[in-house]
Amino acid sequence: MSHQMDYSERSHEEPSPYATGYQETPGFNSYATGQGMFSAGQKLSGSAGKTATASQRLALAIVSLVLWVFTLGVYILLIMVLFSMLIAVINVVYNRNNT
């Protein structure tokens, strides 16, 4: 029982670093701390109160839709080419065995 210290006795002997306002800085660089090469986690300054106008939002929506159509068109074209190649390969293999 003599080895146990009361909480009040411990608090008087060693002050807590949090009680004195001490804040530990992280000892490593990461995306969240924004230190070193990883400064992408910091907030941008200068454009805090600006909002996009209606014409800018409309232009962004139109460009986004055009890019989606273009991307989907490329995928559809790729699928059609692959399907056509598959039909051609099946046709060549089938006709070679029948002659």
N, C-alpha and C. Protein backbone atom coordinates (compact mmCIF):
# COMPACT_ATOMS: atom_id res chain seq x y z
N MET A 1 0.81 -1.19 0.00
CA MET A 1 0.00 0.00 0.00
C MET A 1 0.85 1.25 0.00
N SER A 2 2.08 1.17 0.43
CA SER A 2 2.92 2.36 0.50
C SER A 2 3.39 2.80 -0.88
N HIS A 3 3.34 1.91 -1.88
CA HIS A 3 3.80 2.25 -3.23
C HIS A 3 2.75 3.01 -4.02
N GLN A 4 1.52 2.96 -3.60
CA GLN A 4 0.48 3.67 -4.33
C GLN A 4 0.46 5.13 -3.94
N MET A 5 0.35 5.98 -4.94
CA MET A 5 0.31 7.42 -4.67
C MET A 5 -1.11 7.91 -4.92
N ASP A 6 -1.52 8.80 -4.13
CA ASP A 6 -2.82 9.40 -4.30
C ASP A 6 -2.79 10.34 -5.51
N TYR A 7 -3.92 10.51 -6.18
CA TYR A 7 -3.98 11.36 -7.36
C TYR A 7 -3.59 12.79 -7.03
N SER A 8 -4.00 13.28 -5.92
CA SER A 8 -3.68 14.66 -5.54
C SER A 8 -2.19 14.83 -5.29
N GLU A 9 -1.52 13.80 -4.77
CA GLU A 9 -0.08 13.89 -4.55
C GLU A 9 0.67 13.91 -5.88
N ARG A 10 0.24 13.12 -6.83
CA ARG A 10 0.89 13.08 -8.14
C ARG A 10 0.72 14.40 -8.88
N SER A 11 -0.43 14.99 -8.78
CA SER A 11 -0.67 16.21 -9.52
C SER A 11 0.18 17.36 -9.01
N HIS A 12 0.60 17.33 -7.74
CA HIS A 12 1.44 18.39 -7.21
C HIS A 12 2.91 18.17 -7.58
N GLU A 13 3.31 16.94 -7.80
CA GLU A 13 4.71 16.66 -8.09
C GLU A 13 5.06 16.90 -9.56
N GLU A 14 4.24 16.41 -10.48
CA GLU A 14 4.53 16.54 -11.90
C GLU A 14 3.40 17.30 -12.58
N PRO A 15 3.68 18.50 -13.03
CA PRO A 15 2.61 19.22 -13.74
C PRO A 15 2.37 18.60 -15.11
N SER A 16 1.14 18.55 -15.48
CA SER A 16 0.77 17.99 -16.77
C SER A 16 1.14 18.97 -17.87
N PRO A 17 1.67 18.50 -18.98
CA PRO A 17 2.01 19.42 -20.06
C PRO A 17 0.78 20.08 -20.67
N TYR A 18 -0.38 19.47 -20.53
CA TYR A 18 -1.60 20.05 -21.08
C TYR A 18 -2.13 21.16 -20.19
N ALA A 19 -1.82 21.11 -18.92
CA ALA A 19 -2.30 22.13 -18.00
C ALA A 19 -1.57 23.45 -18.20
N THR A 20 -0.34 23.42 -18.70
CA THR A 20 0.44 24.64 -18.88
C THR A 20 0.27 25.25 -20.26
N GLY A 21 -0.56 24.66 -21.10
CA GLY A 21 -0.79 25.20 -22.42
C GLY A 21 0.20 24.70 -23.45
N TYR A 22 0.99 23.71 -23.11
CA TYR A 22 1.97 23.16 -24.03
C TYR A 22 1.27 22.32 -25.07
N GLN A 23 1.59 22.57 -26.35
CA GLN A 23 1.03 21.77 -27.42
C GLN A 23 2.17 21.17 -28.21
N GLU A 24 2.14 19.87 -28.30
CA GLU A 24 3.21 19.16 -28.99
C GLU A 24 2.99 19.22 -30.50
N THR A 25 4.07 19.54 -31.23
CA THR A 25 3.98 19.53 -32.70
C THR A 25 4.35 18.14 -33.18
N PRO A 26 3.73 17.69 -34.26
CA PRO A 26 4.04 16.36 -34.76
C PRO A 26 5.49 16.27 -35.23
N GLY A 27 6.11 15.14 -34.97
CA GLY A 27 7.50 14.95 -35.33
C GLY A 27 7.70 14.34 -36.69
N PHE A 28 6.69 14.38 -37.56
CA PHE A 28 6.80 13.79 -38.88
C PHE A 28 6.08 14.67 -39.88
N ASN A 29 6.45 14.52 -41.13
CA ASN A 29 5.79 15.25 -42.20
C ASN A 29 4.69 14.39 -42.77
N SER A 30 3.53 14.96 -42.92
CA SER A 30 2.43 14.21 -43.51
C SER A 30 1.56 15.16 -44.31
N TYR A 31 0.61 14.58 -45.00
CA TYR A 31 -0.32 15.38 -45.80
C TYR A 31 -1.14 16.30 -44.90
N ALA A 32 -1.50 15.83 -43.72
CA ALA A 32 -2.37 16.61 -42.84
C ALA A 32 -1.64 17.76 -42.17
N THR A 33 -0.35 17.59 -41.84
CA THR A 33 0.37 18.64 -41.14
C THR A 33 0.80 19.75 -42.07
N GLY A 34 1.01 19.44 -43.34
CA GLY A 34 1.41 20.45 -44.30
C GLY A 34 2.84 20.88 -44.15
N GLN A 35 3.69 20.03 -43.62
CA GLN A 35 5.09 20.37 -43.45
C GLN A 35 5.92 19.68 -44.52
N GLY A 36 7.01 20.30 -44.90
CA GLY A 36 7.92 19.70 -45.86
C GLY A 36 7.31 19.62 -47.24
N MET A 37 7.54 18.50 -47.90
CA MET A 37 7.01 18.30 -49.25
C MET A 37 5.50 18.17 -49.26
N PHE A 38 4.92 17.84 -48.13
CA PHE A 38 3.50 17.53 -48.05
C PHE A 38 2.70 18.75 -47.62
N SER A 39 2.80 19.83 -48.35
CA SER A 39 2.10 21.05 -47.96
C SER A 39 0.72 21.15 -48.59
N ALA A 40 0.21 20.07 -49.15
CA ALA A 40 -1.10 20.11 -49.81
C ALA A 40 -2.24 20.20 -48.81
N GLY A 41 -2.00 19.96 -47.53
CA GLY A 41 -3.07 19.98 -46.55
C GLY A 41 -3.42 21.37 -46.06
N GLN A 42 -2.68 22.38 -46.49
CA GLN A 42 -2.92 23.73 -46.01
C GLN A 42 -4.07 24.38 -46.78
N LYS A 43 -4.76 25.29 -46.13
CA LYS A 43 -5.84 26.01 -46.77
C LYS A 43 -5.27 27.08 -47.70
N LEU A 44 -5.99 27.35 -48.77
CA LEU A 44 -5.59 28.40 -49.69
C LEU A 44 -6.10 29.73 -49.16
N SER A 45 -5.33 30.76 -49.34
CA SER A 45 -5.76 32.07 -48.89
C SER A 45 -5.94 32.97 -50.11
N GLY A 46 -6.75 33.99 -49.96
CA GLY A 46 -6.93 34.94 -51.02
C GLY A 46 -8.27 34.85 -51.71
N SER A 47 -8.86 33.68 -51.83
CA SER A 47 -10.14 33.54 -52.51
C SER A 47 -11.21 33.02 -51.55
N ALA A 48 -11.17 33.46 -50.32
CA ALA A 48 -12.06 32.91 -49.31
C ALA A 48 -13.50 33.36 -49.50
N GLY A 49 -13.74 34.60 -49.89
CA GLY A 49 -15.10 35.11 -49.96
C GLY A 49 -15.69 35.12 -51.35
N LYS A 50 -14.97 34.67 -52.36
CA LYS A 50 -15.45 34.75 -53.74
C LYS A 50 -16.30 33.52 -54.08
N THR A 51 -17.38 33.76 -54.80
CA THR A 51 -18.22 32.67 -55.29
C THR A 51 -18.31 32.78 -56.81
N ALA A 52 -18.62 31.69 -57.45
CA ALA A 52 -18.74 31.67 -58.90
C ALA A 52 -20.03 32.34 -59.34
N THR A 53 -19.95 33.04 -60.47
CA THR A 53 -21.14 33.67 -61.01
C THR A 53 -21.99 32.62 -61.71
N ALA A 54 -23.20 33.03 -62.08
CA ALA A 54 -24.12 32.10 -62.75
C ALA A 54 -23.56 31.66 -64.10
N SER A 55 -22.94 32.57 -64.82
CA SER A 55 -22.38 32.20 -66.13
C SER A 55 -21.19 31.25 -65.98
N GLN A 56 -20.39 31.42 -64.93
CA GLN A 56 -19.28 30.51 -64.69
C GLN A 56 -19.78 29.11 -64.33
N ARG A 57 -20.83 29.05 -63.52
CA ARG A 57 -21.40 27.75 -63.17
C ARG A 57 -22.01 27.06 -64.38
N LEU A 58 -22.66 27.85 -65.25
CA LEU A 58 -23.24 27.29 -66.47
C LEU A 58 -22.14 26.77 -67.39
N ALA A 59 -21.07 27.52 -67.54
CA ALA A 59 -19.95 27.08 -68.38
C ALA A 59 -19.33 25.81 -67.82
N LEU A 60 -19.18 25.73 -66.51
CA LEU A 60 -18.62 24.53 -65.89
C LEU A 60 -19.53 23.32 -66.11
N ALA A 61 -20.84 23.52 -66.01
CA ALA A 61 -21.78 22.43 -66.23
C ALA A 61 -21.73 21.95 -67.68
N ILE A 62 -21.66 22.88 -68.63
CA ILE A 62 -21.60 22.49 -70.04
C ILE A 62 -20.32 21.74 -70.35
N VAL A 63 -19.20 22.25 -69.85
CA VAL A 63 -17.91 21.58 -70.08
C VAL A 63 -17.92 20.19 -69.45
N SER A 64 -18.48 20.07 -68.26
CA SER A 64 -18.55 18.76 -67.61
C SER A 64 -19.37 17.77 -68.41
N LEU A 65 -20.52 18.22 -68.92
CA LEU A 65 -21.36 17.33 -69.73
C LEU A 65 -20.66 16.93 -71.03
N VAL A 66 -19.98 17.88 -71.67
CA VAL A 66 -19.27 17.56 -72.91
C VAL A 66 -18.17 16.54 -72.65
N LEU A 67 -17.44 16.71 -71.55
CA LEU A 67 -16.38 15.76 -71.22
C LEU A 67 -16.95 14.38 -70.91
N TRP A 68 -18.09 14.32 -70.22
CA TRP A 68 -18.73 13.04 -69.94
C TRP A 68 -19.15 12.35 -71.23
N VAL A 69 -19.76 13.11 -72.15
CA VAL A 69 -20.19 12.53 -73.43
C VAL A 69 -18.98 12.04 -74.22
N PHE A 70 -17.92 12.84 -74.23
CA PHE A 70 -16.71 12.44 -74.94
C PHE A 70 -16.12 11.16 -74.34
N THR A 71 -16.04 11.10 -73.01
CA THR A 71 -15.49 9.93 -72.34
C THR A 71 -16.34 8.69 -72.60
N LEU A 72 -17.66 8.83 -72.47
CA LEU A 72 -18.55 7.70 -72.73
C LEU A 72 -18.49 7.28 -74.20
N GLY A 73 -18.37 8.25 -75.11
CA GLY A 73 -18.25 7.94 -76.53
C GLY A 73 -17.01 7.14 -76.84
N VAL A 74 -15.91 7.47 -76.18
CA VAL A 74 -14.67 6.72 -76.38
C VAL A 74 -14.85 5.29 -75.90
N TYR A 75 -15.47 5.12 -74.75
CA TYR A 75 -15.69 3.77 -74.22
C TYR A 75 -16.65 2.98 -75.11
N ILE A 76 -17.70 3.61 -75.59
CA ILE A 76 -18.65 2.92 -76.48
C ILE A 76 -17.96 2.53 -77.77
N LEU A 77 -17.13 3.43 -78.33
CA LEU A 77 -16.39 3.12 -79.54
C LEU A 77 -15.42 1.96 -79.31
N LEU A 78 -14.75 1.95 -78.18
CA LEU A 78 -13.83 0.87 -77.85
C LEU A 78 -14.58 -0.46 -77.73
N ILE A 79 -15.72 -0.46 -77.09
CA ILE A 79 -16.51 -1.69 -76.94
C ILE A 79 -16.99 -2.18 -78.31
N MET A 80 -17.41 -1.25 -79.17
CA MET A 80 -17.87 -1.65 -80.50
C MET A 80 -16.72 -2.25 -81.32
N VAL A 81 -15.52 -1.67 -81.23
CA VAL A 81 -14.37 -2.20 -81.96
C VAL A 81 -14.02 -3.59 -81.44
N LEU A 82 -13.99 -3.77 -80.13
CA LEU A 82 -13.67 -5.08 -79.56
C LEU A 82 -14.72 -6.12 -79.94
N PHE A 83 -15.98 -5.73 -79.94
CA PHE A 83 -17.05 -6.65 -80.32
C PHE A 83 -16.93 -7.04 -81.79
N SER A 84 -16.61 -6.07 -82.65
CA SER A 84 -16.43 -6.37 -84.07
C SER A 84 -15.24 -7.29 -84.30
N MET A 85 -14.14 -7.06 -83.58
CA MET A 85 -12.98 -7.94 -83.69
C MET A 85 -13.33 -9.35 -83.23
N LEU A 86 -14.10 -9.48 -82.17
CA LEU A 86 -14.52 -10.79 -81.68
C LEU A 86 -15.37 -11.51 -82.72
N ILE A 87 -16.29 -10.80 -83.35
CA ILE A 87 -17.12 -11.40 -84.39
C ILE A 87 -16.24 -11.85 -85.57
N ALA A 88 -15.27 -11.03 -85.95
CA ALA A 88 -14.39 -11.39 -87.07
C ALA A 88 -13.56 -12.62 -86.74
N VAL A 89 -13.03 -12.70 -85.53
CA VAL A 89 -12.22 -13.87 -85.12
C VAL A 89 -13.09 -15.12 -85.11
N ILE A 90 -14.28 -15.04 -84.55
CA ILE A 90 -15.18 -16.20 -84.52
C ILE A 90 -15.54 -16.62 -85.95
N ASN A 91 -15.78 -15.66 -86.84
CA ASN A 91 -16.13 -15.96 -88.22
C ASN A 91 -14.98 -16.66 -88.94
N VAL A 92 -13.75 -16.19 -88.74
CA VAL A 92 -12.59 -16.81 -89.39
C VAL A 92 -12.39 -18.23 -88.86
N VAL A 93 -12.47 -18.41 -87.55
CA VAL A 93 -12.27 -19.74 -86.97
C VAL A 93 -13.37 -20.70 -87.43
N TYR A 94 -14.61 -20.26 -87.47
CA TYR A 94 -15.71 -21.12 -87.86
C TYR A 94 -15.62 -21.51 -89.35
N ASN A 95 -15.30 -20.54 -90.19
CA ASN A 95 -15.22 -20.81 -91.62
C ASN A 95 -13.99 -21.66 -91.99
N ARG A 96 -12.93 -21.59 -91.26
CA ARG A 96 -11.74 -22.38 -91.54
C ARG A 96 -12.02 -23.86 -91.27
N ASN A 97 -12.80 -24.16 -90.26
CA ASN A 97 -13.08 -25.56 -89.91
C ASN A 97 -14.10 -26.18 -90.87
N ASN A 98 -14.95 -25.38 -91.51
CA ASN A 98 -15.99 -25.91 -92.38
C ASN A 98 -15.52 -26.14 -93.82
N THR A 99 -14.41 -25.63 -94.24
CA THR A 99 -13.98 -25.81 -95.63
C THR A 99 -13.08 -26.97 -95.84
